[in-house]
Amino acid sequence: MSILSYLHVVLTTRLAELRREGERGDSPVPTAVIIAGLVVVAMAVTALALTKADSWMTGIPDYTKPAK
């Protein structure tokens, strides 16, 4: 058997096995969408906490904003 025939048989056998396996995992797209959504929520929570802390700090008497 020549090497080309052998490679052809191996390749077609492997492709047939891959086609038979219906479940091959989750698509990366929904995972990326979930991660992006979690990042947006985390940024919103951080911004809200920063705003609340800043308003609390400005409510302190004799408060001067620190230099950056």
N, C-alpha and C. Protein backbone atom coordinates (compact mmCIF):
# COMPACT_ATOMS: atom_id res chain seq x y z
N MET A 1 0.84 -1.16 0.00
CA MET A 1 0.00 0.00 0.00
C MET A 1 0.90 1.24 0.00
N SER A 2 0.62 2.13 -0.89
CA SER A 2 1.45 3.33 -0.97
C SER A 2 1.11 4.27 0.19
N ILE A 3 1.98 5.20 0.44
CA ILE A 3 1.80 6.14 1.53
C ILE A 3 0.58 7.03 1.30
N LEU A 4 0.31 7.41 0.06
CA LEU A 4 -0.85 8.24 -0.24
C LEU A 4 -2.16 7.50 0.04
N SER A 5 -2.20 6.23 -0.31
CA SER A 5 -3.41 5.44 -0.03
C SER A 5 -3.61 5.30 1.48
N TYR A 6 -2.53 5.06 2.18
CA TYR A 6 -2.61 4.93 3.64
C TYR A 6 -3.11 6.23 4.27
N LEU A 7 -2.55 7.36 3.86
CA LEU A 7 -2.98 8.64 4.41
C LEU A 7 -4.44 8.93 4.08
N HIS A 8 -4.87 8.56 2.89
CA HIS A 8 -6.26 8.75 2.50
C HIS A 8 -7.19 7.95 3.39
N VAL A 9 -6.85 6.69 3.64
CA VAL A 9 -7.68 5.84 4.50
C VAL A 9 -7.72 6.38 5.92
N VAL A 10 -6.58 6.79 6.44
CA VAL A 10 -6.52 7.32 7.81
C VAL A 10 -7.35 8.60 7.91
N LEU A 11 -7.22 9.48 6.96
CA LEU A 11 -7.94 10.75 6.97
C LEU A 11 -9.45 10.53 6.87
N THR A 12 -9.88 9.69 5.95
CA THR A 12 -11.32 9.46 5.80
C THR A 12 -11.90 8.75 7.02
N THR A 13 -11.14 7.85 7.62
CA THR A 13 -11.61 7.17 8.83
C THR A 13 -11.76 8.17 9.97
N ARG A 14 -10.80 9.03 10.13
CA ARG A 14 -10.86 10.02 11.21
C ARG A 14 -12.01 11.01 10.99
N LEU A 15 -12.21 11.47 9.77
CA LEU A 15 -13.32 12.37 9.48
C LEU A 15 -14.66 11.70 9.74
N ALA A 16 -14.77 10.42 9.42
CA ALA A 16 -16.02 9.69 9.69
C ALA A 16 -16.27 9.60 11.20
N GLU A 17 -15.21 9.38 11.98
CA GLU A 17 -15.37 9.35 13.43
C GLU A 17 -15.82 10.70 13.97
N LEU A 18 -15.27 11.78 13.45
CA LEU A 18 -15.64 13.11 13.90
C LEU A 18 -17.09 13.44 13.55
N ARG A 19 -17.56 12.96 12.41
CA ARG A 19 -18.94 13.23 12.02
C ARG A 19 -19.92 12.47 12.90
N ARG A 20 -19.53 11.28 13.38
CA ARG A 20 -20.41 10.48 14.22
C ARG A 20 -20.60 11.10 15.59
N GLU A 21 -19.60 11.79 16.10
CA GLU A 21 -19.69 12.40 17.42
C GLU A 21 -20.50 13.70 17.31
N GLY A 22 -21.77 13.64 17.71
CA GLY A 22 -22.64 14.80 17.57
C GLY A 22 -22.32 15.94 18.53
N GLU A 23 -22.03 15.59 19.78
CA GLU A 23 -21.76 16.61 20.79
C GLU A 23 -20.26 16.84 20.90
N ARG A 24 -19.84 18.03 20.52
CA ARG A 24 -18.41 18.34 20.56
C ARG A 24 -18.13 19.55 21.42
N GLY A 25 -19.01 19.84 22.37
CA GLY A 25 -18.76 20.95 23.29
C GLY A 25 -19.56 22.18 22.92
N ASP A 26 -19.40 23.17 23.75
CA ASP A 26 -20.11 24.42 23.58
C ASP A 26 -19.34 25.34 22.64
N SER A 27 -20.06 26.14 21.91
CA SER A 27 -19.43 27.11 21.03
C SER A 27 -18.78 28.21 21.87
N PRO A 28 -17.66 28.75 21.43
CA PRO A 28 -17.01 29.80 22.22
C PRO A 28 -17.77 31.14 22.19
N VAL A 29 -18.69 31.30 21.27
CA VAL A 29 -19.41 32.58 21.15
C VAL A 29 -20.29 32.85 22.38
N PRO A 30 -21.14 31.91 22.82
CA PRO A 30 -21.94 32.20 24.02
C PRO A 30 -21.07 32.44 25.25
N THR A 31 -19.97 31.73 25.36
CA THR A 31 -19.06 31.93 26.49
C THR A 31 -18.48 33.34 26.45
N ALA A 32 -18.09 33.82 25.28
CA ALA A 32 -17.54 35.17 25.15
C ALA A 32 -18.61 36.22 25.46
N VAL A 33 -19.84 35.97 25.07
CA VAL A 33 -20.92 36.92 25.35
C VAL A 33 -21.18 36.98 26.86
N ILE A 34 -21.16 35.84 27.52
CA ILE A 34 -21.36 35.81 28.97
C ILE A 34 -20.24 36.56 29.67
N ILE A 35 -19.00 36.32 29.26
CA ILE A 35 -17.86 37.00 29.88
C ILE A 35 -17.95 38.50 29.65
N ALA A 36 -18.30 38.92 28.45
CA ALA A 36 -18.44 40.35 28.17
C ALA A 36 -19.55 40.97 29.02
N GLY A 37 -20.63 40.26 29.21
CA GLY A 37 -21.71 40.75 30.06
C GLY A 37 -21.26 40.88 31.51
N LEU A 38 -20.50 39.92 31.99
CA LEU A 38 -19.99 40.00 33.36
C LEU A 38 -19.03 41.17 33.52
N VAL A 39 -18.23 41.44 32.50
CA VAL A 39 -17.31 42.58 32.56
C VAL A 39 -18.09 43.89 32.63
N VAL A 40 -19.14 44.00 31.84
CA VAL A 40 -19.96 45.22 31.85
C VAL A 40 -20.61 45.41 33.23
N VAL A 41 -21.13 44.33 33.80
CA VAL A 41 -21.74 44.43 35.13
C VAL A 41 -20.70 44.81 36.18
N ALA A 42 -19.51 44.23 36.09
CA ALA A 42 -18.44 44.56 37.05
C ALA A 42 -18.03 46.02 36.93
N MET A 43 -17.96 46.53 35.71
CA MET A 43 -17.62 47.93 35.52
C MET A 43 -18.70 48.84 36.09
N ALA A 44 -19.97 48.47 35.92
CA ALA A 44 -21.08 49.27 36.45
C ALA A 44 -21.05 49.28 37.97
N VAL A 45 -20.80 48.13 38.58
CA VAL A 45 -20.73 48.06 40.04
C VAL A 45 -19.56 48.88 40.56
N THR A 46 -18.42 48.81 39.88
CA THR A 46 -17.26 49.58 40.28
C THR A 46 -17.52 51.08 40.16
N ALA A 47 -18.14 51.49 39.08
CA ALA A 47 -18.46 52.91 38.90
C ALA A 47 -19.45 53.38 39.96
N LEU A 48 -20.43 52.55 40.27
CA LEU A 48 -21.40 52.92 41.30
C LEU A 48 -20.72 53.04 42.67
N ALA A 49 -19.84 52.11 42.99
CA ALA A 49 -19.13 52.17 44.27
C ALA A 49 -18.23 53.40 44.33
N LEU A 50 -17.58 53.72 43.22
CA LEU A 50 -16.71 54.90 43.18
C LEU A 50 -17.53 56.18 43.36
N THR A 51 -18.67 56.25 42.72
CA THR A 51 -19.54 57.42 42.85
C THR A 51 -20.05 57.57 44.28
N LYS A 52 -20.49 56.46 44.87
CA LYS A 52 -20.98 56.50 46.25
C LYS A 52 -19.86 56.91 47.21
N ALA A 53 -18.67 56.36 47.03
CA ALA A 53 -17.56 56.70 47.92
C ALA A 53 -17.15 58.15 47.75
N ASP A 54 -17.16 58.64 46.52
CA ASP A 54 -16.80 60.03 46.28
C ASP A 54 -17.81 60.98 46.91
N SER A 55 -19.10 60.66 46.78
CA SER A 55 -20.12 61.53 47.38
C SER A 55 -20.05 61.45 48.91
N TRP A 56 -19.72 60.31 49.45
CA TRP A 56 -19.57 60.18 50.89
C TRP A 56 -18.37 61.00 51.39
N MET A 57 -17.27 60.94 50.63
CA MET A 57 -16.06 61.69 51.01
C MET A 57 -16.30 63.20 50.93
N THR A 58 -17.04 63.65 49.93
CA THR A 58 -17.29 65.09 49.82
C THR A 58 -18.27 65.58 50.89
N GLY A 59 -18.99 64.68 51.52
CA GLY A 59 -19.91 65.05 52.59
C GLY A 59 -19.20 65.27 53.92
N ILE A 60 -17.94 64.92 54.01
CA ILE A 60 -17.18 65.10 55.24
C ILE A 60 -16.81 66.58 55.38
N PRO A 61 -17.02 67.17 56.56
CA PRO A 61 -16.66 68.59 56.74
C PRO A 61 -15.15 68.80 56.62
N ASP A 62 -14.75 69.93 56.10
CA ASP A 62 -13.35 70.29 55.87
C ASP A 62 -12.62 69.31 54.96
N TYR A 63 -13.34 68.79 54.00
CA TYR A 63 -12.73 67.85 53.05
C TYR A 63 -12.09 68.61 51.90
N THR A 64 -10.86 68.25 51.58
CA THR A 64 -10.22 68.78 50.37
C THR A 64 -9.85 67.62 49.49
N LYS A 65 -10.17 67.74 48.24
CA LYS A 65 -9.92 66.66 47.30
C LYS A 65 -8.41 66.49 47.13
N PRO A 66 -7.90 65.24 47.22
CA PRO A 66 -6.46 65.03 47.08
C PRO A 66 -5.99 65.31 45.65
N ALA A 67 -4.75 65.75 45.53
CA ALA A 67 -4.18 66.02 44.20
C ALA A 67 -3.81 64.69 43.56
N LYS A 68 -3.98 64.63 42.26
CA LYS A 68 -3.67 63.38 41.54
C LYS A 68 -2.29 63.42 40.99
